[in-house]
PDB file of all heavy atoms in Angstrom:
ATOM      1  N   LYS A   1     139.464 110.067 121.251  1.00  0.00           N
ATOM      2  CA  LYS A   1     140.155 108.831 121.358  1.00  0.00           C
ATOM      3  C   LYS A   1     140.621 108.493 119.975  1.00  0.00           C
ATOM      4  O   LYS A   1     141.715 107.917 119.832  1.00  0.00           O
ATOM      5  CB  LYS A   1     139.045 107.780 121.872  1.00  0.00           C
ATOM      6  CG  LYS A   1     139.678 106.417 122.062  1.00  0.00           C
ATOM      7  CD  LYS A   1     138.515 105.474 122.506  1.00  0.00           C
ATOM      8  CE  LYS A   1     139.083 104.019 122.686  1.00  0.00           C
ATOM      9  NZ  LYS A   1     138.107 103.153 123.267  1.00  0.00           N
ATOM     10  N   MET A   2     139.799 108.660 118.956  1.00  0.00           N
ATOM     11  CA  MET A   2     140.290 108.326 117.598  1.00  0.00           C
ATOM     12  C   MET A   2     141.485 109.148 117.206  1.00  0.00           C
ATOM     13  O   MET A   2     142.438 108.506 116.612  1.00  0.00           O
ATOM     14  CB  MET A   2     139.184 108.517 116.598  1.00  0.00           C
ATOM     15  CG  MET A   2     139.563 108.166 115.089  1.00  0.00           C
ATOM     16  SD  MET A   2     138.497 108.992 113.865  1.00  0.00           S
ATOM     17  CE  MET A   2     138.942 110.753 114.044  1.00  0.00           C
ATOM     18  N   LEU A   3     141.387 110.496 117.447  1.00  0.00           N
ATOM     19  CA  LEU A   3     142.611 111.212 116.994  1.00  0.00           C
ATOM     20  C   LEU A   3     143.811 110.976 117.766  1.00  0.00           C
ATOM     21  O   LEU A   3     144.962 110.948 117.227  1.00  0.00           O
ATOM     22  CB  LEU A   3     142.153 112.788 117.357  1.00  0.00           C
ATOM     23  CG  LEU A   3     141.110 113.362 116.449  1.00  0.00           C
ATOM     24  CD1 LEU A   3     140.686 114.663 116.905  1.00  0.00           C
ATOM     25  CD2 LEU A   3     141.623 113.406 114.986  1.00  0.00           C
ATOM     26  N   ARG A   4     143.741 110.581 119.087  1.00  0.00           N
ATOM     27  CA  ARG A   4     144.940 110.220 119.840  1.00  0.00           C
ATOM     28  C   ARG A   4     145.408 108.920 119.334  1.00  0.00           C
ATOM     29  O   ARG A   4     146.796 108.758 119.212  1.00  0.00           O
ATOM     30  CB  ARG A   4     144.546 110.092 121.311  1.00  0.00           C
ATOM     31  CG  ARG A   4     144.474 111.446 122.014  1.00  0.00           C
ATOM     32  CD  ARG A   4     144.385 111.279 123.520  1.00  0.00           C
ATOM     33  NE  ARG A   4     143.434 110.280 124.041  1.00  0.00           N
ATOM     34  CZ  ARG A   4     142.223 110.604 124.376  1.00  0.00           C
ATOM     35  NH1 ARG A   4     141.728 111.867 124.328  1.00  0.00           N
ATOM     36  NH2 ARG A   4     141.429 109.635 124.766  1.00  0.00           N
ATOM     37  N   LYS A   5     144.590 107.966 118.961  1.00  0.00           N
ATOM     38  CA  LYS A   5     145.032 106.789 118.362  1.00  0.00           C
ATOM     39  C   LYS A   5     145.732 106.886 117.060  1.00  0.00           C
ATOM     40  O   LYS A   5     146.663 106.150 116.789  1.00  0.00           O
ATOM     41  CB  LYS A   5     143.784 105.788 118.205  1.00  0.00           C
ATOM     42  CG  LYS A   5     144.112 104.434 117.629  1.00  0.00           C
ATOM     43  CD  LYS A   5     142.855 103.534 117.522  1.00  0.00           C
ATOM     44  CE  LYS A   5     143.201 102.303 116.860  1.00  0.00           C
ATOM     45  NZ  LYS A   5     141.978 101.625 116.356  1.00  0.00           N
ATOM     46  N   ASP A   6     145.278 107.938 116.261  1.00  0.00           N
ATOM     47  CA  ASP A   6     146.012 108.087 114.947  1.00  0.00           C
ATOM     48  C   ASP A   6     147.122 109.050 115.214  1.00  0.00           C
ATOM     49  O   ASP A   6     147.585 109.688 114.123  1.00  0.00           O
ATOM     50  CB  ASP A   6     145.020 108.637 114.022  1.00  0.00           C
ATOM     51  CG  ASP A   6     144.014 107.618 113.569  1.00  0.00           C
ATOM     52  OD1 ASP A   6     144.313 106.354 113.631  1.00  0.00           O
ATOM     53  OD2 ASP A   6     142.825 108.017 113.017  1.00  0.00           O
ATOM     54  N   SER A   7     147.675 109.353 116.364  1.00  0.00           N
ATOM     55  CA  SER A   7     148.752 110.135 116.629  1.00  0.00           C
ATOM     56  C   SER A   7     148.706 111.633 116.363  1.00  0.00           C
ATOM     57  O   SER A   7     149.641 112.317 116.150  1.00  0.00           O
ATOM     58  CB  SER A   7     149.996 109.542 115.991  1.00  0.00           C
ATOM     59  OG  SER A   7     150.367 108.224 116.211  1.00  0.00           O
ATOM     60  N   PHE A   8     147.453 112.082 116.478  1.00  0.00           N
ATOM     61  CA  PHE A   8     147.244 113.493 116.422  1.00  0.00           C
ATOM     62  C   PHE A   8     147.620 114.211 117.660  1.00  0.00           C
ATOM     63  O   PHE A   8     147.575 113.441 118.816  1.00  0.00           O
ATOM     64  CB  PHE A   8     145.815 113.825 116.110  1.00  0.00           C
ATOM     65  CG  PHE A   8     145.445 113.755 114.671  1.00  0.00           C
ATOM     66  CD1 PHE A   8     145.134 112.578 114.026  1.00  0.00           C
ATOM     67  CD2 PHE A   8     145.311 114.955 113.855  1.00  0.00           C
ATOM     68  CE1 PHE A   8     144.791 112.440 112.724  1.00  0.00           C
ATOM     69  CE2 PHE A   8     144.977 114.736 112.555  1.00  0.00           C
ATOM     70  CZ  PHE A   8     144.764 113.527 111.958  1.00  0.00           C
ATOM     71  N   ARG A   9     148.101 115.369 117.630  1.00  0.00           N
ATOM     72  CA  ARG A   9     148.506 116.145 118.802  1.00  0.00           C
ATOM     73  C   ARG A   9     147.751 117.446 118.830  1.00  0.00           C
ATOM     74  O   ARG A   9     147.403 117.954 117.787  1.00  0.00           O
ATOM     75  CB  ARG A   9     149.966 116.540 118.821  1.00  0.00           C
ATOM     76  CG  ARG A   9     150.991 115.302 118.941  1.00  0.00           C
ATOM     77  CD  ARG A   9     152.317 115.626 118.799  1.00  0.00           C
ATOM     78  NE  ARG A   9     152.569 116.385 117.557  1.00  0.00           N
ATOM     79  CZ  ARG A   9     153.473 117.332 117.391  1.00  0.00           C
ATOM     80  NH1 ARG A   9     154.295 117.685 118.209  1.00  0.00           N
ATOM     81  NH2 ARG A   9     153.556 117.954 116.184  1.00  0.00           N
ATOM     82  N   SER A  10     147.450 117.982 120.001  1.00  0.00           N
ATOM     83  CA  SER A  10     146.848 119.264 120.083  1.00  0.00           C
ATOM     84  C   SER A  10     147.508 120.099 121.264  1.00  0.00           C
ATOM     85  O   SER A  10     148.025 121.153 120.986  1.00  0.00           O
ATOM     86  CB  SER A  10     145.301 119.191 120.287  1.00  0.00           C
ATOM     87  OG  SER A  10     144.771 120.431 120.224  1.00  0.00           O
ATOM     88  N   HIS A  11     147.512 119.520 122.439  1.00  0.00           N
ATOM     89  CA  HIS A  11     147.979 120.320 123.544  1.00  0.00           C
ATOM     90  C   HIS A  11     149.519 120.643 123.312  1.00  0.00           C
ATOM     91  O   HIS A  11     150.077 121.713 123.690  1.00  0.00           O
ATOM     92  CB  HIS A  11     147.836 119.484 124.808  1.00  0.00           C
ATOM     93  CG  HIS A  11     148.209 120.183 125.983  1.00  0.00           C
ATOM     94  ND1 HIS A  11     147.472 121.175 126.585  1.00  0.00           N
ATOM     95  CD2 HIS A  11     149.341 120.034 126.796  1.00  0.00           C
ATOM     96  CE1 HIS A  11     148.084 121.620 127.781  1.00  0.00           C
ATOM     97  NE2 HIS A  11     149.176 121.001 127.893  1.00  0.00           N
ATOM     98  N   LYS A  12     150.117 119.604 122.788  1.00  0.00           N
ATOM     99  CA  LYS A  12     151.624 119.831 122.619  1.00  0.00           C
ATOM    100  C   LYS A  12     152.043 120.418 121.179  1.00  0.00           C
ATOM    101  O   LYS A  12     153.172 120.586 120.945  1.00  0.00           O
ATOM    102  CB  LYS A  12     152.405 118.487 122.899  1.00  0.00           C
ATOM    103  CG  LYS A  12     152.284 118.057 124.194  1.00  0.00           C
ATOM    104  CD  LYS A  12     152.973 116.767 124.442  1.00  0.00           C
ATOM    105  CE  LYS A  12     152.914 116.297 125.957  1.00  0.00           C
ATOM    106  NZ  LYS A  12     153.664 115.068 126.185  1.00  0.00           N
ATOM    107  N   ALA A  13     151.078 120.680 120.405  1.00  0.00           N
ATOM    108  CA  ALA A  13     151.393 121.294 119.146  1.00  0.00           C
ATOM    109  C   ALA A  13     151.538 122.827 119.242  1.00  0.00           C
ATOM    110  O   ALA A  13     150.744 123.443 120.029  1.00  0.00           O
ATOM    111  CB  ALA A  13     150.245 121.113 118.126  1.00  0.00           C
ATOM    112  N   ASN A  14     152.539 123.377 118.623  1.00  0.00           N
ATOM    113  CA  ASN A  14     152.764 124.858 118.768  1.00  0.00           C
ATOM    114  C   ASN A  14     151.658 125.633 118.136  1.00  0.00           C
ATOM    115  O   ASN A  14     151.542 126.890 118.477  1.00  0.00           O
ATOM    116  CB  ASN A  14     154.126 125.158 118.153  1.00  0.00           C
ATOM    117  CG  ASN A  14     155.282 124.579 118.962  1.00  0.00           C
ATOM    118  OD1 ASN A  14     155.127 124.478 120.170  1.00  0.00           O
ATOM    119  ND2 ASN A  14     156.285 124.202 118.189  1.00  0.00           N
ATOM    120  N   ASP A  15     150.950 125.208 117.104  1.00  0.00           N
ATOM    121  CA  ASP A  15     150.017 125.912 116.347  1.00  0.00           C
ATOM    122  C   ASP A  15     148.607 125.674 116.697  1.00  0.00           C
ATOM    123  O   ASP A  15     147.782 125.778 115.790  1.00  0.00           O
ATOM    124  CB  ASP A  15     150.428 125.884 114.861  1.00  0.00           C
ATOM    125  CG  ASP A  15     150.354 124.378 114.387  1.00  0.00           C
ATOM    126  OD1 ASP A  15     150.038 123.581 115.218  1.00  0.00           O
ATOM    127  OD2 ASP A  15     150.483 124.240 113.320  1.00  0.00           O
ATOM    128  N   SER A  16     148.315 125.059 117.758  1.00  0.00           N
ATOM    129  CA  SER A  16     147.000 124.542 118.069  1.00  0.00           C
ATOM    130  C   SER A  16     146.250 125.330 119.104  1.00  0.00           C
ATOM    131  O   SER A  16     146.804 125.811 120.061  1.00  0.00           O
ATOM    132  CB  SER A  16     147.132 123.100 118.573  1.00  0.00           C
ATOM    133  OG  SER A  16     145.894 122.616 118.900  1.00  0.00           O
ATOM    134  N   GLY A  17     144.942 125.496 118.983  1.00  0.00           N
ATOM    135  CA  GLY A  17     144.080 126.206 119.897  1.00  0.00           C
ATOM    136  C   GLY A  17     142.690 125.620 119.718  1.00  0.00           C
ATOM    137  O   GLY A  17     142.333 125.066 118.738  1.00  0.00           O
ATOM    138  N   MET A  18     141.880 125.890 120.806  1.00  0.00           N
ATOM    139  CA  MET A  18     140.489 125.515 120.765  1.00  0.00           C
ATOM    140  C   MET A  18     139.814 126.770 120.747  1.00  0.00           C
ATOM    141  O   MET A  18     139.900 127.778 121.653  1.00  0.00           O
ATOM    142  CB  MET A  18     140.178 124.674 122.012  1.00  0.00           C
ATOM    143  CG  MET A  18     138.642 124.333 122.086  1.00  0.00           C
ATOM    144  SD  MET A  18     138.305 123.406 123.534  1.00  0.00           S
ATOM    145  CE  MET A  18     136.448 123.611 123.638  1.00  0.00           C
ATOM    146  N   HIS A  19     138.882 127.013 119.733  1.00  0.00           N
ATOM    147  CA  HIS A  19     138.115 128.196 119.661  1.00  0.00           C
ATOM    148  C   HIS A  19     136.615 127.894 119.797  1.00  0.00           C
ATOM    149  O   HIS A  19     136.137 126.854 119.244  1.00  0.00           O
ATOM    150  CB  HIS A  19     138.317 128.830 118.313  1.00  0.00           C
ATOM    151  CG  HIS A  19     139.757 129.146 118.016  1.00  0.00           C
ATOM    152  ND1 HIS A  19     140.208 129.494 116.761  1.00  0.00           N
ATOM    153  CD2 HIS A  19     140.853 129.139 118.802  1.00  0.00           C
ATOM    154  CE1 HIS A  19     141.519 129.673 116.819  1.00  0.00           C
ATOM    155  NE2 HIS A  19     141.921 129.579 118.106  1.00  0.00           N
ATOM    156  N   VAL A  20     135.830 128.667 120.604  1.00  0.00           N
ATOM    157  CA  VAL A  20     134.560 128.359 120.872  1.00  0.00           C
ATOM    158  C   VAL A  20     133.679 129.591 120.309  1.00  0.00           C
ATOM    159  O   VAL A  20     133.908 130.786 120.782  1.00  0.00           O
ATOM    160  CB  VAL A  20     134.208 128.207 122.378  1.00  0.00           C
ATOM    161  CG1 VAL A  20     132.689 127.873 122.494  1.00  0.00           C
ATOM    162  CG2 VAL A  20     135.000 127.075 122.891  1.00  0.00           C
ATOM    163  N   HIS A  21     132.842 129.294 119.367  1.00  0.00           N
ATOM    164  CA  HIS A  21     131.922 130.376 118.836  1.00  0.00           C
ATOM    165  C   HIS A  21     130.554 130.323 119.500  1.00  0.00           C
ATOM    166  O   HIS A  21     130.098 129.273 119.650  1.00  0.00           O
ATOM    167  CB  HIS A  21     131.749 130.226 117.308  1.00  0.00           C
ATOM    168  CG  HIS A  21     133.037 130.454 116.435  1.00  0.00           C
ATOM    169  ND1 HIS A  21     133.039 131.630 115.769  1.00  0.00           N
ATOM    170  CD2 HIS A  21     134.087 129.856 116.313  1.00  0.00           C
ATOM    171  CE1 HIS A  21     134.177 131.728 115.135  1.00  0.00           C
ATOM    172  NE2 HIS A  21     134.798 130.648 115.426  1.00  0.00           N
ATOM    173  N   VAL A  22     130.119 131.524 119.819  1.00  0.00           N
ATOM    174  CA  VAL A  22     128.740 131.674 120.461  1.00  0.00           C
ATOM    175  C   VAL A  22     127.959 132.581 119.533  1.00  0.00           C
ATOM    176  O   VAL A  22     128.512 133.644 119.146  1.00  0.00           O
ATOM    177  CB  VAL A  22     128.915 132.126 121.912  1.00  0.00           C
ATOM    178  CG1 VAL A  22     127.556 132.297 122.447  1.00  0.00           C
ATOM    179  CG2 VAL A  22     129.674 131.284 122.755  1.00  0.00           C
ATOM    180  N   SER A  23     126.683 132.254 119.232  1.00  0.00           N
ATOM    181  CA  SER A  23     125.919 133.125 118.419  1.00  0.00           C
ATOM    182  C   SER A  23     125.710 134.546 119.104  1.00  0.00           C
ATOM    183  O   SER A  23     125.497 134.681 120.292  1.00  0.00           O
ATOM    184  CB  SER A  23     124.428 132.408 118.350  1.00  0.00           C
ATOM    185  OG  SER A  23     123.609 133.451 117.728  1.00  0.00           O
ATOM    186  N   ARG A  24     125.940 135.400 118.218  1.00  0.00           N
ATOM    187  CA  ARG A  24     125.806 136.880 118.609  1.00  0.00           C
ATOM    188  C   ARG A  24     124.424 137.212 119.165  1.00  0.00           C
ATOM    189  O   ARG A  24     124.209 137.972 120.082  1.00  0.00           O
ATOM    190  CB  ARG A  24     126.095 137.872 117.641  1.00  0.00           C
ATOM    191  CG  ARG A  24     127.620 138.200 117.401  1.00  0.00           C
ATOM    192  CD  ARG A  24     127.654 139.326 116.306  1.00  0.00           C
ATOM    193  NE  ARG A  24     129.148 139.489 116.044  1.00  0.00           N
ATOM    194  CZ  ARG A  24     129.795 140.404 116.633  1.00  0.00           C
ATOM    195  NH1 ARG A  24     129.312 141.250 117.517  1.00  0.00           N
ATOM    196  NH2 ARG A  24     131.022 140.600 116.348  1.00  0.00           N
ATOM    197  N   ASN A  25     123.414 136.510 118.536  1.00  0.00           N
ATOM    198  CA  ASN A  25     122.109 136.712 118.912  1.00  0.00           C
ATOM    199  C   ASN A  25     121.747 136.270 120.279  1.00  0.00           C
ATOM    200  O   ASN A  25     120.752 136.769 120.852  1.00  0.00           O
ATOM    201  CB  ASN A  25     121.126 136.095 117.850  1.00  0.00           C
ATOM    202  CG  ASN A  25     121.200 136.728 116.481  1.00  0.00           C
ATOM    203  OD1 ASN A  25     121.521 137.863 116.330  1.00  0.00           O
ATOM    204  ND2 ASN A  25     120.795 135.982 115.534  1.00  0.00           N
ATOM    205  N   SER A  26     122.577 135.474 120.943  1.00  0.00           N
ATOM    206  CA  SER A  26     122.306 134.911 122.187  1.00  0.00           C
ATOM    207  C   SER A  26     122.942 135.755 123.250  1.00  0.00           C
ATOM    208  O   SER A  26     122.774 135.476 124.400  1.00  0.00           O
ATOM    209  CB  SER A  26     122.862 133.420 122.254  1.00  0.00           C
ATOM    210  OG  SER A  26     124.296 133.421 122.317  1.00  0.00           O
ATOM    211  N   ILE A  27     123.752 136.799 122.872  1.00  0.00           N
ATOM    212  CA  ILE A  27     124.492 137.492 123.865  1.00  0.00           C
ATOM    213  C   ILE A  27     124.038 139.007 123.893  1.00  0.00           C
ATOM    214  O   ILE A  27     124.070 139.667 122.823  1.00  0.00           O
ATOM    215  CB  ILE A  27     125.966 137.508 123.588  1.00  0.00           C
ATOM    216  CG1 ILE A  27     126.553 136.085 123.536  1.00  0.00           C
ATOM    217  CG2 ILE A  27     126.767 138.301 124.664  1.00  0.00           C
ATOM    218  CD1 ILE A  27     127.925 135.907 123.145  1.00  0.00           C
ATOM    219  N   LYS A  28     123.477 139.355 124.986  1.00  0.00           N
ATOM    220  CA  LYS A  28     123.181 140.814 125.184  1.00  0.00           C
ATOM    221  C   LYS A  28     124.406 141.787 125.129  1.00  0.00           C
ATOM    222  O   LYS A  28     125.378 141.330 125.645  1.00  0.00           O
ATOM    223  CB  LYS A  28     122.426 141.004 126.487  1.00  0.00           C
ATOM    224  CG  LYS A  28     121.062 140.354 126.509  1.00  0.00           C
ATOM    225  CD  LYS A  28     120.322 140.696 127.772  1.00  0.00           C
ATOM    226  CE  LYS A  28     121.042 139.838 128.869  1.00  0.00           C
ATOM    227  NZ  LYS A  28     120.272 139.905 130.262  1.00  0.00           N
ATOM    228  N   PRO A  29     124.265 142.928 124.488  1.00  0.00           N
ATOM    229  CA  PRO A  29     125.453 143.843 124.479  1.00  0.00           C
ATOM    230  C   PRO A  29     125.963 144.171 125.851  1.00  0.00           C
ATOM    231  O   PRO A  29     127.227 144.322 125.909  1.00  0.00           O
ATOM    232  CB  PRO A  29     124.874 145.077 123.742  1.00  0.00           C
ATOM    233  CG  PRO A  29     123.805 144.620 122.915  1.00  0.00           C
ATOM    234  CD  PRO A  29     123.115 143.497 123.623  1.00  0.00           C
ATOM    235  N   THR A  30     125.134 144.296 126.820  1.00  0.00           N
ATOM    236  CA  THR A  30     125.647 144.509 128.157  1.00  0.00           C
ATOM    237  C   THR A  30     126.490 143.291 128.667  1.00  0.00           C
ATOM    238  O   THR A  30     127.361 143.502 129.478  1.00  0.00           O
ATOM    239  CB  THR A  30     124.512 144.949 129.140  1.00  0.00           C
ATOM    240  OG1 THR A  30     123.466 143.901 129.151  1.00  0.00           O
ATOM    241  CG2 THR A  30     123.913 146.222 128.781  1.00  0.00           C
ATOM    242  N   THR A  31     125.999 142.088 128.381  1.00  0.00           N
ATOM    243  CA  THR A  31     126.638 140.906 128.807  1.00  0.00           C
ATOM    244  C   THR A  31     128.041 140.811 128.148  1.00  0.00           C
ATOM    245  O   THR A  31     129.033 140.674 128.795  1.00  0.00           O
ATOM    246  CB  THR A  31     125.855 139.649 128.450  1.00  0.00           C
ATOM    247  OG1 THR A  31     124.650 139.682 129.217  1.00  0.00           O
ATOM    248  CG2 THR A  31     126.627 138.437 128.781  1.00  0.00           C
ATOM    249  N   LEU A  32     128.050 141.078 126.817  1.00  0.00           N
ATOM    250  CA  LEU A  32     129.375 141.140 126.131  1.00  0.00           C
ATOM    251  C   LEU A  32     130.280 142.190 126.695  1.00  0.00           C
ATOM    252  O   LEU A  32     131.456 141.958 126.907  1.00  0.00           O
ATOM    253  CB  LEU A  32     129.158 141.416 124.656  1.00  0.00           C
ATOM    254  CG  LEU A  32     130.392 141.494 123.762  1.00  0.00           C
ATOM    255  CD1 LEU A  32     131.229 140.196 123.901  1.00  0.00           C
ATOM    256  CD2 LEU A  32     130.112 141.655 122.247  1.00  0.00           C
ATOM    257  N   TYR A  33     129.739 143.297 127.000  1.00  0.00           N
ATOM    258  CA  TYR A  33     130.504 144.490 127.545  1.00  0.00           C
ATOM    259  C   TYR A  33     131.228 143.912 128.909  1.00  0.00           C
ATOM    260  O   TYR A  33     132.355 144.136 129.070  1.00  0.00           O
ATOM    261  CB  TYR A  33     129.579 145.631 127.919  1.00  0.00           C
ATOM    262  CG  TYR A  33     130.214 146.821 128.716  1.00  0.00           C
ATOM    263  CD1 TYR A  33     130.616 147.955 127.978  1.00  0.00           C
ATOM    264  CD2 TYR A  33     130.442 146.720 130.000  1.00  0.00           C
ATOM    265  CE1 TYR A  33     131.241 148.979 128.672  1.00  0.00           C
ATOM    266  CE2 TYR A  33     130.909 147.764 130.788  1.00  0.00           C
ATOM    267  CZ  TYR A  33     131.344 148.931 130.087  1.00  0.00           C
ATOM    268  OH  TYR A  33     131.854 150.003 130.691  1.00  0.00           O
ATOM    269  N   LYS A  34     130.465 143.288 129.789  1.00  0.00           N
ATOM    270  CA  LYS A  34     130.956 142.851 131.008  1.00  0.00           C
ATOM    271  C   LYS A  34     132.119 141.767 130.735  1.00  0.00           C
ATOM    272  O   LYS A  34     133.089 141.678 131.479  1.00  0.00           O
ATOM    273  CB  LYS A  34     129.894 142.232 131.857  1.00  0.00           C
ATOM    274  CG  LYS A  34     128.940 143.264 132.391  1.00  0.00           C
ATOM    275  CD  LYS A  34     127.648 142.644 132.964  1.00  0.00           C
ATOM    276  CE  LYS A  34     126.554 143.672 133.010  1.00  0.00           C
ATOM    277  NZ  LYS A  34     125.350 142.935 133.506  1.00  0.00           N
TER     278      LYS A  34
END
């Protein structure tokens, strides 16, 4: 809400993305493989 109010863009920005990091320790190698 604050970012939109301050005229930030994300969806319509050409250089924007959402990245989600997950701890390697929480993912079994077989799960990652799949």
